[in-house]
Amino acid sequence: MCELFGISSKHPTTVQFSLAEFARRGGATGPHIDGWGVGFFREGDFLLVREPEPSHASAHLQFIRDQQIHSALVVSHIRKATQGSVCLRNTQPFQRESGGRPHLFAHNGDLGPIRLRADLAPACYRPIGESDSEFAFCILMGMLQPLWQADSTPPFQLRFQTFCDFAAQMATLGAANFLYSDGEYLFAHSHRRRQDDGEIRAPGLYMLTRAHHEHDVLSGMTIDEGNSDEQIVTLLASVPLSDEAWRPMPEHTALALYQGKLVAQKQLKLQTICTGSDAALPLSVSL
């Protein structure tokens, strides 16, 4: 399976140590050799770099780390291919536009039968590659599109509810760990993943929150000059990337982060409903 890494912070930050450790799992300390990608939110858009090569030996990723790019929202992915060839179009994170802003998405897991569900495919978004992950992202964007058609930014609660409904549906198809950002919030769903012993079980994601003031020192973390108040950084990862107290997220948990703070969390409850094609689909009823 692939691995995920995300950051939400109060002020733009670099987390060099965590990113370096994550990159090493792409072929050095881990088997994820089929590509990597990272998106940094800056000036209303994501600086997105992807490469269908192992991350641990990538000169491109080393250059990014050397530049110490500052961002308050980061979504990253390293790939172990299960569906789709090893090529750029199947390399995550994936990006789409809606409502005049970028949306970024990465998935860890295997949603094997998803492409058999033609009734789920939105007319407005289509995958470029062949992966189940991008197909799922197109479904999410189709669900979100009505919210972003209005002239004003949709309320957070509607965005979070839509993400929860999406995650609840995808979780019945296979392992469904997601990171998604609309450039304002970082949304996540923790499900199950293949653990070191080969078993597929929870947790799918771990979370760590770091807080410090101007003169505190935390490994590999810096903030922009001029931001002298408290910095809050929350990291999400498929596996702990340091010796700190990473917390495992419970199975079927959806959450949202804003400026490093946890602003919403739901334990999803699933039930099936029928679409117009009389196919059974799950739905989150916890909201």
C-alpha atoms as a PDB file:
ATOM      1  CA  MET A   1       0.000   0.000   0.000  1.00  0.00           C
ATOM      2  CA  CYS A   2       0.939   3.623  -0.399  1.00  0.00           C
ATOM      3  CA  GLU A   3       1.626   6.087   2.416  1.00  0.00           C
ATOM      4  CA  LEU A   4       0.302   9.555   3.200  1.00  0.00           C
ATOM      5  CA  PHE A   5       1.757  12.620   4.904  1.00  0.00           C
ATOM      6  CA  GLY A   6      -0.024  15.913   5.564  1.00  0.00           C
ATOM      7  CA  ILE A   7       0.553  19.141   7.479  1.00  0.00           C
ATOM      8  CA  SER A   8      -1.756  21.888   8.710  1.00  0.00           C
ATOM      9  CA  SER A   9      -0.212  24.812  10.615  1.00  0.00           C
ATOM     10  CA  LYS A  10      -1.137  28.208  12.001  1.00  0.00           C
ATOM     11  CA  HIS A  11       1.780  29.898  10.227  1.00  0.00           C
ATOM     12  CA  PRO A  12       3.678  28.750   7.140  1.00  0.00           C
ATOM     13  CA  THR A  13       6.302  26.258   8.230  1.00  0.00           C
ATOM     14  CA  THR A  14       8.844  23.747   7.064  1.00  0.00           C
ATOM     15  CA  VAL A  15       9.028  20.312   8.619  1.00  0.00           C
ATOM     16  CA  GLN A  16      12.265  19.089   7.120  1.00  0.00           C
ATOM     17  CA  PHE A  17      12.913  16.095   9.382  1.00  0.00           C
ATOM     18  CA  SER A  18       9.449  14.580   8.910  1.00  0.00           C
ATOM     19  CA  LEU A  19       9.510  15.097   5.138  1.00  0.00           C
ATOM     20  CA  ALA A  20      12.973  13.532   4.929  1.00  0.00           C
ATOM     21  CA  GLU A  21      11.892  10.501   6.948  1.00  0.00           C
ATOM     22  CA  PHE A  22       8.750  10.161   4.839  1.00  0.00           C
ATOM     23  CA  ALA A  23      10.847  10.281   1.655  1.00  0.00           C
ATOM     24  CA  ARG A  24      13.162   7.542   2.942  1.00  0.00           C
ATOM     25  CA  ARG A  25      10.185   5.214   3.129  1.00  0.00           C
ATOM     26  CA  GLY A  26       9.969   5.497  -0.649  1.00  0.00           C
ATOM     27  CA  GLY A  27      12.518   2.785  -1.420  1.00  0.00           C
ATOM     28  CA  ALA A  28      15.049   2.995   1.419  1.00  0.00           C
ATOM     29  CA  THR A  29      13.241   2.049   4.655  1.00  0.00           C
ATOM     30  CA  GLY A  30       9.983   1.151   2.882  1.00  0.00           C
ATOM     31  CA  PRO A  31       8.847  -0.564  -0.338  1.00  0.00           C
ATOM     32  CA  HIS A  32       7.009   2.400  -1.894  1.00  0.00           C
ATOM     33  CA  ILE A  33       9.126   2.754  -5.035  1.00  0.00           C
ATOM     34  CA  ASP A  34       6.507   3.595  -7.667  1.00  0.00           C
ATOM     35  CA  GLY A  35       6.335   7.369  -7.338  1.00  0.00           C
ATOM     36  CA  TRP A  36       5.964  10.314  -5.016  1.00  0.00           C
ATOM     37  CA  GLY A  37       4.320  13.699  -4.929  1.00  0.00           C
ATOM     38  CA  VAL A  38       3.978  16.694  -2.638  1.00  0.00           C
ATOM     39  CA  GLY A  39       1.736  19.745  -2.772  1.00  0.00           C
ATOM     40  CA  PHE A  40       2.497  22.973  -0.861  1.00  0.00           C
ATOM     41  CA  PHE A  41      -0.296  25.551  -0.612  1.00  0.00           C
ATOM     42  CA  ARG A  42       1.081  29.008  -1.428  1.00  0.00           C
ATOM     43  CA  GLU A  43      -0.526  32.252  -2.622  1.00  0.00           C
ATOM     44  CA  GLY A  44      -3.904  30.681  -3.361  1.00  0.00           C
ATOM     45  CA  ASP A  45      -2.592  27.638  -5.249  1.00  0.00           C
ATOM     46  CA  PHE A  46      -0.717  24.400  -4.676  1.00  0.00           C
ATOM     47  CA  LEU A  47       2.886  24.054  -5.760  1.00  0.00           C
ATOM     48  CA  LEU A  48       2.582  20.440  -6.868  1.00  0.00           C
ATOM     49  CA  VAL A  49       5.590  18.280  -7.714  1.00  0.00           C
ATOM     50  CA  ARG A  50       5.211  14.624  -8.721  1.00  0.00           C
ATOM     51  CA  GLU A  51       7.558  12.004 -10.091  1.00  0.00           C
ATOM     52  CA  PRO A  52       7.014   8.290 -10.944  1.00  0.00           C
ATOM     53  CA  GLU A  53      10.317   7.363  -9.295  1.00  0.00           C
ATOM     54  CA  PRO A  54      11.395   6.291  -5.777  1.00  0.00           C
ATOM     55  CA  SER A  55      11.395   9.305  -3.473  1.00  0.00           C
ATOM     56  CA  HIS A  56      14.423   8.344  -1.376  1.00  0.00           C
ATOM     57  CA  ALA A  57      16.825   8.810  -4.310  1.00  0.00           C
ATOM     58  CA  SER A  58      15.030  11.677  -6.052  1.00  0.00           C
ATOM     59  CA  ALA A  59      17.111  14.734  -6.896  1.00  0.00           C
ATOM     60  CA  HIS A  60      13.875  16.675  -7.326  1.00  0.00           C
ATOM     61  CA  LEU A  61      12.755  15.921  -3.779  1.00  0.00           C
ATOM     62  CA  GLN A  62      16.202  16.705  -2.424  1.00  0.00           C
ATOM     63  CA  PHE A  63      15.999  20.088  -4.152  1.00  0.00           C
ATOM     64  CA  ILE A  64      12.592  20.751  -2.552  1.00  0.00           C
ATOM     65  CA  ARG A  65      13.971  19.883   0.884  1.00  0.00           C
ATOM     66  CA  ASP A  66      17.019  22.083   0.345  1.00  0.00           C
ATOM     67  CA  GLN A  67      14.802  25.063  -0.551  1.00  0.00           C
ATOM     68  CA  GLN A  68      12.959  24.781   2.790  1.00  0.00           C
ATOM     69  CA  ILE A  69       9.636  25.704   1.253  1.00  0.00           C
ATOM     70  CA  HIS A  70       7.236  27.301   3.740  1.00  0.00           C
ATOM     71  CA  SER A  71       3.554  26.378   3.654  1.00  0.00           C
ATOM     72  CA  ALA A  72       0.631  26.122   6.056  1.00  0.00           C
ATOM     73  CA  LEU A  73      -0.932  23.209   4.134  1.00  0.00           C
ATOM     74  CA  VAL A  74       0.982  20.240   2.747  1.00  0.00           C
ATOM     75  CA  VAL A  75      -0.269  16.987   1.206  1.00  0.00           C
ATOM     76  CA  SER A  76       2.230  14.299   0.213  1.00  0.00           C
ATOM     77  CA  HIS A  77       2.100  10.711  -1.050  1.00  0.00           C
ATOM     78  CA  ILE A  78       4.486   7.863  -1.828  1.00  0.00           C
ATOM     79  CA  ARG A  79       3.210   5.079  -4.042  1.00  0.00           C
ATOM     80  CA  LYS A  80       3.261   1.301  -4.082  1.00  0.00           C
ATOM     81  CA  ALA A  81       1.269   0.585  -7.237  1.00  0.00           C
ATOM     82  CA  THR A  82      -1.766  -1.692  -7.025  1.00  0.00           C
ATOM     83  CA  GLN A  83      -3.863  -0.304  -9.879  1.00  0.00           C
ATOM     84  CA  GLY A  84      -2.587   1.517 -12.952  1.00  0.00           C
ATOM     85  CA  SER A  85       0.866   1.559 -14.496  1.00  0.00           C
ATOM     86  CA  VAL A  86       3.858   3.306 -12.933  1.00  0.00           C
ATOM     87  CA  CYS A  87       3.701   6.654 -14.722  1.00  0.00           C
ATOM     88  CA  LEU A  88       3.111  10.323 -14.010  1.00  0.00           C
ATOM     89  CA  ARG A  89      -0.639  10.298 -14.653  1.00  0.00           C
ATOM     90  CA  ASN A  90      -1.107   7.722 -11.872  1.00  0.00           C
ATOM     91  CA  THR A  91       1.136   9.552  -9.390  1.00  0.00           C
ATOM     92  CA  GLN A  92      -0.467  11.307  -6.420  1.00  0.00           C
ATOM     93  CA  PRO A  93      -1.534  13.786  -5.103  1.00  0.00           C
ATOM     94  CA  PHE A  94      -4.141  14.594  -7.752  1.00  0.00           C
ATOM     95  CA  GLN A  95      -5.415  18.133  -8.332  1.00  0.00           C
ATOM     96  CA  ARG A  96      -8.636  19.589  -9.727  1.00  0.00           C
ATOM     97  CA  GLU A  97     -10.289  23.029  -9.744  1.00  0.00           C
ATOM     98  CA  SER A  98     -13.720  23.930  -8.420  1.00  0.00           C
ATOM     99  CA  GLY A  99     -15.122  27.260  -7.311  1.00  0.00           C
ATOM    100  CA  GLY A 100     -11.993  29.028  -8.527  1.00  0.00           C
ATOM    101  CA  ARG A 101      -9.685  27.270  -6.110  1.00  0.00           C
ATOM    102  CA  PRO A 102      -7.443  24.182  -6.218  1.00  0.00           C
ATOM    103  CA  HIS A 103      -8.449  20.901  -4.592  1.00  0.00           C
ATOM    104  CA  LEU A 104      -5.801  18.306  -3.731  1.00  0.00           C
ATOM    105  CA  PHE A 105      -6.324  14.627  -2.904  1.00  0.00           C
ATOM    106  CA  ALA A 106      -4.273  11.560  -1.954  1.00  0.00           C
ATOM    107  CA  HIS A 107      -5.383   8.026  -1.070  1.00  0.00           C
ATOM    108  CA  ASN A 108      -3.822   5.035   0.643  1.00  0.00           C
ATOM    109  CA  GLY A 109      -5.562   1.710   0.168  1.00  0.00           C
ATOM    110  CA  ASP A 110      -7.221  -0.392  -2.508  1.00  0.00           C
ATOM    111  CA  LEU A 111     -10.732   0.358  -3.753  1.00  0.00           C
ATOM    112  CA  GLY A 112     -10.700  -2.598  -6.149  1.00  0.00           C
ATOM    113  CA  PRO A 113     -14.318  -2.673  -7.405  1.00  0.00           C
ATOM    114  CA  ILE A 114     -14.781   1.090  -7.670  1.00  0.00           C
ATOM    115  CA  ARG A 115     -14.490   1.258 -11.462  1.00  0.00           C
ATOM    116  CA  LEU A 116     -17.319  -1.254 -11.774  1.00  0.00           C
ATOM    117  CA  ARG A 117     -19.650   1.349 -10.288  1.00  0.00           C
ATOM    118  CA  ALA A 118     -20.311   3.434 -13.394  1.00  0.00           C
ATOM    119  CA  ASP A 119     -23.302   5.024 -11.643  1.00  0.00           C
ATOM    120  CA  LEU A 120     -20.884   6.774  -9.276  1.00  0.00           C
ATOM    121  CA  ALA A 121     -18.839   8.461 -11.999  1.00  0.00           C
ATOM    122  CA  PRO A 122     -19.628  12.191 -12.279  1.00  0.00           C
ATOM    123  CA  ALA A 123     -20.135  13.717 -15.703  1.00  0.00           C
ATOM    124  CA  CYS A 124     -18.140  16.820 -14.787  1.00  0.00           C
ATOM    125  CA  TYR A 125     -14.922  15.108 -13.627  1.00  0.00           C
ATOM    126  CA  ARG A 126     -13.076  12.274 -15.300  1.00  0.00           C
ATOM    127  CA  PRO A 127      -9.800  10.558 -14.368  1.00  0.00           C
ATOM    128  CA  ILE A 128      -6.694  11.109 -16.470  1.00  0.00           C
ATOM    129  CA  GLY A 129      -5.031   7.885 -15.324  1.00  0.00           C
ATOM    130  CA  GLU A 130      -6.194   4.398 -14.442  1.00  0.00           C
ATOM    131  CA  SER A 131      -5.921   4.313 -10.651  1.00  0.00           C
ATOM    132  CA  ASP A 132      -8.773   3.654  -8.259  1.00  0.00           C
ATOM    133  CA  SER A 133      -7.556   6.637  -6.223  1.00  0.00           C
ATOM    134  CA  GLU A 134      -8.093   9.185  -8.982  1.00  0.00           C
ATOM    135  CA  PHE A 135     -11.474   7.678  -9.808  1.00  0.00           C
ATOM    136  CA  ALA A 136     -12.448   8.153  -6.158  1.00  0.00           C
ATOM    137  CA  PHE A 137     -11.230  11.761  -6.249  1.00  0.00           C
ATOM    138  CA  CYS A 138     -13.421  12.444  -9.284  1.00  0.00           C
ATOM    139  CA  ILE A 139     -16.398  11.077  -7.335  1.00  0.00           C
ATOM    140  CA  LEU A 140     -15.584  13.372  -4.414  1.00  0.00           C
ATOM    141  CA  MET A 141     -15.281  16.388  -6.715  1.00  0.00           C
ATOM    142  CA  GLY A 142     -18.613  15.522  -8.282  1.00  0.00           C
ATOM    143  CA  MET A 143     -20.202  15.435  -4.834  1.00  0.00           C
ATOM    144  CA  LEU A 144     -18.598  18.772  -3.914  1.00  0.00           C
ATOM    145  CA  GLN A 145     -19.376  20.574  -7.160  1.00  0.00           C
ATOM    146  CA  PRO A 146     -22.896  21.774  -6.202  1.00  0.00           C
ATOM    147  CA  LEU A 147     -21.448  23.412  -3.083  1.00  0.00           C
ATOM    148  CA  TRP A 148     -18.816  25.338  -5.043  1.00  0.00           C
ATOM    149  CA  GLN A 149     -21.131  26.555  -7.825  1.00  0.00           C
ATOM    150  CA  ALA A 150     -22.432  29.371  -5.636  1.00  0.00           C
ATOM    151  CA  ASP A 151     -20.786  32.794  -5.710  1.00  0.00           C
ATOM    152  CA  SER A 152     -19.850  32.536  -2.036  1.00  0.00           C
ATOM    153  CA  THR A 153     -17.613  30.011  -0.286  1.00  0.00           C
ATOM    154  CA  PRO A 154     -19.750  27.124   0.986  1.00  0.00           C
ATOM    155  CA  PRO A 155     -20.088  26.733   4.762  1.00  0.00           C
ATOM    156  CA  PHE A 156     -17.516  24.497   6.376  1.00  0.00           C
ATOM    157  CA  GLN A 157     -20.142  22.148   7.814  1.00  0.00           C
ATOM    158  CA  LEU A 158     -21.476  21.327   4.334  1.00  0.00           C
ATOM    159  CA  ARG A 159     -17.973  20.647   3.074  1.00  0.00           C
ATOM    160  CA  PHE A 160     -17.184  18.404   6.021  1.00  0.00           C
ATOM    161  CA  GLN A 161     -20.474  16.528   5.754  1.00  0.00           C
ATOM    162  CA  THR A 162     -19.890  15.870   2.059  1.00  0.00           C
ATOM    163  CA  PHE A 163     -16.399  14.569   2.767  1.00  0.00           C
ATOM    164  CA  CYS A 164     -17.778  12.284   5.491  1.00  0.00           C
ATOM    165  CA  ASP A 165     -20.449  10.900   3.168  1.00  0.00           C
ATOM    166  CA  PHE A 166     -17.828  10.262   0.508  1.00  0.00           C
ATOM    167  CA  ALA A 167     -15.466   8.525   2.950  1.00  0.00           C
ATOM    168  CA  ALA A 168     -18.292   6.371   4.314  1.00  0.00           C
ATOM    169  CA  GLN A 169     -19.149   5.191   0.801  1.00  0.00           C
ATOM    170  CA  MET A 170     -15.576   4.453  -0.215  1.00  0.00           C
ATOM    171  CA  ALA A 171     -14.811   2.513   2.983  1.00  0.00           C
ATOM    172  CA  THR A 172     -17.139  -0.319   1.923  1.00  0.00           C
ATOM    173  CA  LEU A 173     -15.129  -0.882  -1.256  1.00  0.00           C
ATOM    174  CA  GLY A 174     -11.760  -1.413   0.438  1.00  0.00           C
ATOM    175  CA  ALA A 175      -9.095   0.304   2.495  1.00  0.00           C
ATOM    176  CA  ALA A 176      -9.896   4.020   2.340  1.00  0.00           C
ATOM    177  CA  ASN A 177      -7.441   6.416   3.948  1.00  0.00           C
ATOM    178  CA  PHE A 178      -7.645   9.898   2.441  1.00  0.00           C
ATOM    179  CA  LEU A 179      -6.092  13.339   2.686  1.00  0.00           C
ATOM    180  CA  TYR A 180      -8.000  16.111   0.913  1.00  0.00           C
ATOM    181  CA  SER A 181      -7.606  19.888   0.966  1.00  0.00           C
ATOM    182  CA  ASP A 182      -9.524  22.746  -0.618  1.00  0.00           C
ATOM    183  CA  GLY A 183      -6.734  25.177   0.222  1.00  0.00           C
ATOM    184  CA  GLU A 184      -8.365  26.194   3.496  1.00  0.00           C
ATOM    185  CA  TYR A 185      -8.970  23.018   5.487  1.00  0.00           C
ATOM    186  CA  LEU A 186      -7.140  19.707   5.564  1.00  0.00           C
ATOM    187  CA  PHE A 187      -9.619  16.830   5.684  1.00  0.00           C
ATOM    188  CA  ALA A 188      -8.644  13.266   6.543  1.00  0.00           C
ATOM    189  CA  HIS A 189     -10.259   9.852   6.858  1.00  0.00           C
ATOM    190  CA  SER A 190      -8.539   7.035   8.732  1.00  0.00           C
ATOM    191  CA  HIS A 191      -9.654   3.500   7.929  1.00  0.00           C
ATOM    192  CA  ARG A 192      -7.362   0.449   7.677  1.00  0.00           C
ATOM    193  CA  ARG A 193      -3.995  -0.258   6.079  1.00  0.00           C
ATOM    194  CA  ARG A 194      -1.562  -3.120   5.700  1.00  0.00           C
ATOM    195  CA  GLN A 195       0.529  -3.223   8.865  1.00  0.00           C
ATOM    196  CA  ASP A 196       4.100  -4.492   9.246  1.00  0.00           C
ATOM    197  CA  ASP A 197       2.862  -8.023   9.990  1.00  0.00           C
ATOM    198  CA  GLY A 198       0.929  -8.125   6.710  1.00  0.00           C
ATOM    199  CA  GLU A 199      -2.524  -7.824   8.264  1.00  0.00           C
ATOM    200  CA  ILE A 200      -4.911  -5.120   7.051  1.00  0.00           C
ATOM    201  CA  ARG A 201      -6.374  -3.350  10.075  1.00  0.00           C
ATOM    202  CA  ALA A 202      -6.596  -0.005  11.857  1.00  0.00           C
ATOM    203  CA  PRO A 203      -5.026   2.445  12.302  1.00  0.00           C
ATOM    204  CA  GLY A 204      -4.897   3.904   8.832  1.00  0.00           C
ATOM    205  CA  LEU A 205      -3.426   7.218   9.981  1.00  0.00           C
ATOM    206  CA  TYR A 206      -1.530   8.691  12.924  1.00  0.00           C
ATOM    207  CA  MET A 207      -1.687  12.283  14.158  1.00  0.00           C
ATOM    208  CA  LEU A 208       0.821  14.490  15.991  1.00  0.00           C
ATOM    209  CA  THR A 209       0.376  18.090  17.169  1.00  0.00           C
ATOM    210  CA  ARG A 210       3.355  20.309  17.888  1.00  0.00           C
ATOM    211  CA  ALA A 211       3.026  23.725  19.543  1.00  0.00           C
ATOM    212  CA  HIS A 212       5.802  26.136  20.383  1.00  0.00           C
ATOM    213  CA  HIS A 213       6.589  29.792  20.882  1.00  0.00           C
ATOM    214  CA  GLU A 214       9.145  32.013  19.223  1.00  0.00           C
ATOM    215  CA  HIS A 215      12.152  30.736  21.168  1.00  0.00           C
ATOM    216  CA  ASP A 216      11.219  27.076  21.354  1.00  0.00           C
ATOM    217  CA  VAL A 217      13.093  24.611  19.169  1.00  0.00           C
ATOM    218  CA  LEU A 218      11.460  21.567  17.600  1.00  0.00           C
ATOM    219  CA  SER A 219      13.298  19.168  15.333  1.00  0.00           C
ATOM    220  CA  GLY A 220      13.165  20.269  11.736  1.00  0.00           C
ATOM    221  CA  MET A 221      10.446  22.911  12.139  1.00  0.00           C
ATOM    222  CA  THR A 222      10.793  26.600  11.310  1.00  0.00           C
ATOM    223  CA  ILE A 223       8.248  29.387  10.853  1.00  0.00           C
ATOM    224  CA  ASP A 224       8.199  32.478   8.685  1.00  0.00           C
ATOM    225  CA  GLU A 225      10.034  35.490  10.037  1.00  0.00           C
ATOM    226  CA  GLY A 226       7.692  38.005  11.622  1.00  0.00           C
ATOM    227  CA  ASN A 227       5.351  35.413  13.118  1.00  0.00           C
ATOM    228  CA  SER A 228       6.343  35.680  16.766  1.00  0.00           C
ATOM    229  CA  ASP A 229       3.185  34.303  18.364  1.00  0.00           C
ATOM    230  CA  GLU A 230       2.475  30.652  19.075  1.00  0.00           C
ATOM    231  CA  GLN A 231       2.946  28.211  16.249  1.00  0.00           C
ATOM    232  CA  ILE A 232       0.713  25.140  16.008  1.00  0.00           C
ATOM    233  CA  VAL A 233       1.499  22.352  13.571  1.00  0.00           C
ATOM    234  CA  THR A 234      -0.496  19.137  13.191  1.00  0.00           C
ATOM    235  CA  LEU A 235       0.958  16.296  11.159  1.00  0.00           C
ATOM    236  CA  LEU A 236      -0.877  13.289   9.727  1.00  0.00           C
ATOM    237  CA  ALA A 237       0.972  10.219   8.457  1.00  0.00           C
ATOM    238  CA  SER A 238       0.367   6.592   7.628  1.00  0.00           C
ATOM    239  CA  VAL A 239       3.083   5.605  10.125  1.00  0.00           C
ATOM    240  CA  PRO A 240       4.847   7.644  12.842  1.00  0.00           C
ATOM    241  CA  LEU A 241       7.789   9.563  11.382  1.00  0.00           C
ATOM    242  CA  SER A 242       9.580  10.341  14.654  1.00  0.00           C
ATOM    243  CA  ASP A 243       9.908   9.154  18.251  1.00  0.00           C
ATOM    244  CA  GLU A 244       7.260  11.633  19.422  1.00  0.00           C
ATOM    245  CA  ALA A 245       3.837  10.679  20.774  1.00  0.00           C
ATOM    246  CA  TRP A 246       1.922  10.103  17.543  1.00  0.00           C
ATOM    247  CA  ARG A 247      -1.695   9.166  18.217  1.00  0.00           C
ATOM    248  CA  PRO A 248      -3.382   6.431  16.158  1.00  0.00           C
ATOM    249  CA  MET A 249      -6.691   7.557  14.681  1.00  0.00           C
ATOM    250  CA  PRO A 250      -9.625   5.206  15.309  1.00  0.00           C
ATOM    251  CA  GLU A 251     -11.050   3.274  12.390  1.00  0.00           C
ATOM    252  CA  HIS A 252     -13.714   5.119  10.357  1.00  0.00           C
ATOM    253  CA  THR A 253     -12.713   8.519  11.759  1.00  0.00           C
ATOM    254  CA  ALA A 254     -13.070  11.651   9.650  1.00  0.00           C
ATOM    255  CA  LEU A 255     -11.579  14.949  10.774  1.00  0.00           C
ATOM    256  CA  ALA A 256     -10.803  18.466   9.610  1.00  0.00           C
ATOM    257  CA  LEU A 257      -7.832  20.664  10.508  1.00  0.00           C
ATOM    258  CA  TYR A 258      -7.668  24.440  10.211  1.00  0.00           C
ATOM    259  CA  GLN A 259      -4.455  26.359  10.866  1.00  0.00           C
ATOM    260  CA  GLY A 260      -3.062  23.425  12.805  1.00  0.00           C
ATOM    261  CA  LYS A 261      -6.108  22.942  15.031  1.00  0.00           C
ATOM    262  CA  LEU A 262      -8.593  20.095  15.036  1.00  0.00           C
ATOM    263  CA  VAL A 263     -11.933  21.760  14.247  1.00  0.00           C
ATOM    264  CA  ALA A 264     -14.140  18.724  13.560  1.00  0.00           C
ATOM    265  CA  GLN A 265     -14.039  14.984  14.102  1.00  0.00           C
ATOM    266  CA  LYS A 266     -16.661  12.316  13.472  1.00  0.00           C
ATOM    267  CA  GLN A 267     -16.806   8.583  13.989  1.00  0.00           C
ATOM    268  CA  LEU A 268     -18.647   7.460  10.869  1.00  0.00           C
ATOM    269  CA  LYS A 269     -21.569   5.078  11.019  1.00  0.00           C
ATOM    270  CA  LEU A 270     -22.468   3.272   7.830  1.00  0.00           C
ATOM    271  CA  GLN A 271     -25.727   2.113   6.345  1.00  0.00           C
ATOM    272  CA  THR A 272     -26.794   1.314   2.802  1.00  0.00           C
ATOM    273  CA  ILE A 273     -29.144   3.291   0.630  1.00  0.00           C
ATOM    274  CA  CYS A 274     -30.365   2.764  -2.928  1.00  0.00           C
ATOM    275  CA  THR A 275     -29.530   4.983  -5.858  1.00  0.00           C
ATOM    276  CA  GLY A 276     -31.575   5.389  -8.981  1.00  0.00           C
ATOM    277  CA  SER A 277     -29.886   2.266 -10.356  1.00  0.00           C
ATOM    278  CA  ASP A 278     -31.105   0.278  -7.317  1.00  0.00           C
ATOM    279  CA  ALA A 279     -27.506  -0.383  -6.283  1.00  0.00           C
ATOM    280  CA  ALA A 280     -26.727  -0.474  -2.601  1.00  0.00           C
ATOM    281  CA  LEU A 281     -24.445   2.283  -1.363  1.00  0.00           C
ATOM    282  CA  PRO A 282     -23.319   3.156   2.140  1.00  0.00           C
ATOM    283  CA  LEU A 283     -24.037   6.509   3.731  1.00  0.00           C
ATOM    284  CA  SER A 284     -22.688   8.301   6.750  1.00  0.00           C
ATOM    285  CA  VAL A 285     -25.483   9.026   9.211  1.00  0.00           C
ATOM    286  CA  SER A 286     -23.416  10.464  12.011  1.00  0.00           C
ATOM    287  CA  LEU A 287     -23.793  14.102  10.982  1.00  0.00           C
END
